Protein backbone atom coordinates (compact mmCIF):
# COMPACT_ATOMS: atom_id res chain seq x y z
CA UNK A 1 35.43 -16.24 183.22
CA UNK A 2 35.48 -13.52 185.97
CA UNK A 3 34.69 -10.98 182.66
CA UNK A 4 31.20 -12.39 181.70
CA UNK A 5 30.11 -11.70 185.13
CA UNK A 6 31.53 -8.34 185.85
CA UNK A 7 32.95 -6.31 182.40
CA UNK A 8 36.06 -4.64 183.34
CA UNK A 9 35.99 -0.68 183.25
CA UNK A 10 36.23 0.76 179.58
CA UNK A 11 39.47 2.54 179.14
CA UNK A 12 38.11 5.44 177.99
CA UNK A 13 35.31 7.03 180.30
CA UNK A 14 32.85 9.16 178.52
CA UNK A 15 33.96 12.76 178.80
CA UNK A 16 37.63 11.45 177.01
CA UNK A 17 39.97 13.58 174.33
CA UNK A 18 41.30 10.28 172.35
CA UNK A 19 42.85 10.15 168.76
CA UNK A 20 42.65 7.73 166.38
CA UNK A 21 46.51 5.71 166.38
CA UNK A 22 48.12 5.87 163.33
CA UNK A 23 48.08 1.82 162.85
CA UNK A 24 46.59 -0.05 159.46
CA UNK A 25 42.70 -0.11 160.30
CA UNK A 26 42.34 3.68 161.93
CA UNK A 27 44.59 4.84 158.36
CA UNK A 28 42.19 2.60 156.20
CA UNK A 29 38.82 3.90 158.04
CA UNK A 30 40.10 7.24 157.89
CA UNK A 31 40.03 8.09 161.75
CA UNK A 32 43.78 8.01 162.22
CA UNK A 33 45.62 11.16 163.69
CA UNK A 34 41.90 12.44 164.28
CA UNK A 35 40.62 14.03 167.76
CA UNK A 36 38.01 13.60 169.44
CA UNK A 37 35.43 13.27 172.24
CA UNK A 38 34.26 10.35 173.99
CA UNK A 39 30.28 10.03 173.93
CA UNK A 40 29.66 6.25 175.34
CA UNK A 41 32.39 4.38 176.99
CA UNK A 42 32.90 0.54 175.96
CA UNK A 43 35.24 -1.61 174.55
CA UNK A 44 33.70 -0.20 171.18
CA UNK A 45 33.25 3.54 171.61
CA UNK A 46 30.83 6.37 170.83
CA UNK A 47 32.83 8.84 169.03
CA UNK A 48 32.16 12.35 168.06
CA UNK A 49 35.68 13.68 165.93
CA UNK A 50 36.29 17.41 166.67
CA UNK A 51 35.38 19.54 163.43
CA UNK A 52 33.45 17.15 161.88
CA UNK A 53 29.26 17.50 161.17
CA UNK A 54 27.32 14.55 163.69
CA UNK A 55 26.58 11.38 161.38
CA UNK A 56 22.68 11.65 161.30
CA UNK A 57 22.41 8.38 163.41
CA UNK A 58 24.81 9.64 166.32
CA UNK A 59 28.41 9.01 166.82
CA UNK A 60 29.92 5.86 164.70
CA UNK A 61 31.29 3.76 167.32
CA UNK A 62 35.27 2.41 167.19
CA UNK A 63 37.08 -0.40 168.80
CA UNK A 64 39.37 1.49 171.51
CA UNK A 65 42.18 -0.59 170.86
CA UNK A 66 42.41 1.95 168.14
CA UNK A 67 42.65 4.98 170.56
CA UNK A 68 44.52 6.37 172.41
CA UNK A 69 44.39 9.04 175.12
CA UNK A 70 45.16 12.74 173.22
CA UNK A 71 47.60 15.06 175.90
């Protein structure tokens, strides 16, 4: 109930460097192991992957549970 009044802060704020987790969904969708920059934070974050051209409609959204902080 409290989350409907005020959402928790995003897991990865904008500007964070993240990597796609090596799980079933990320592997199937093709972003497992890729490094990217969080452009817009949220439950589904917009990620610009390193070394890939920008998508014509802008960065795509990926679930935060499929991402981990790149170190």
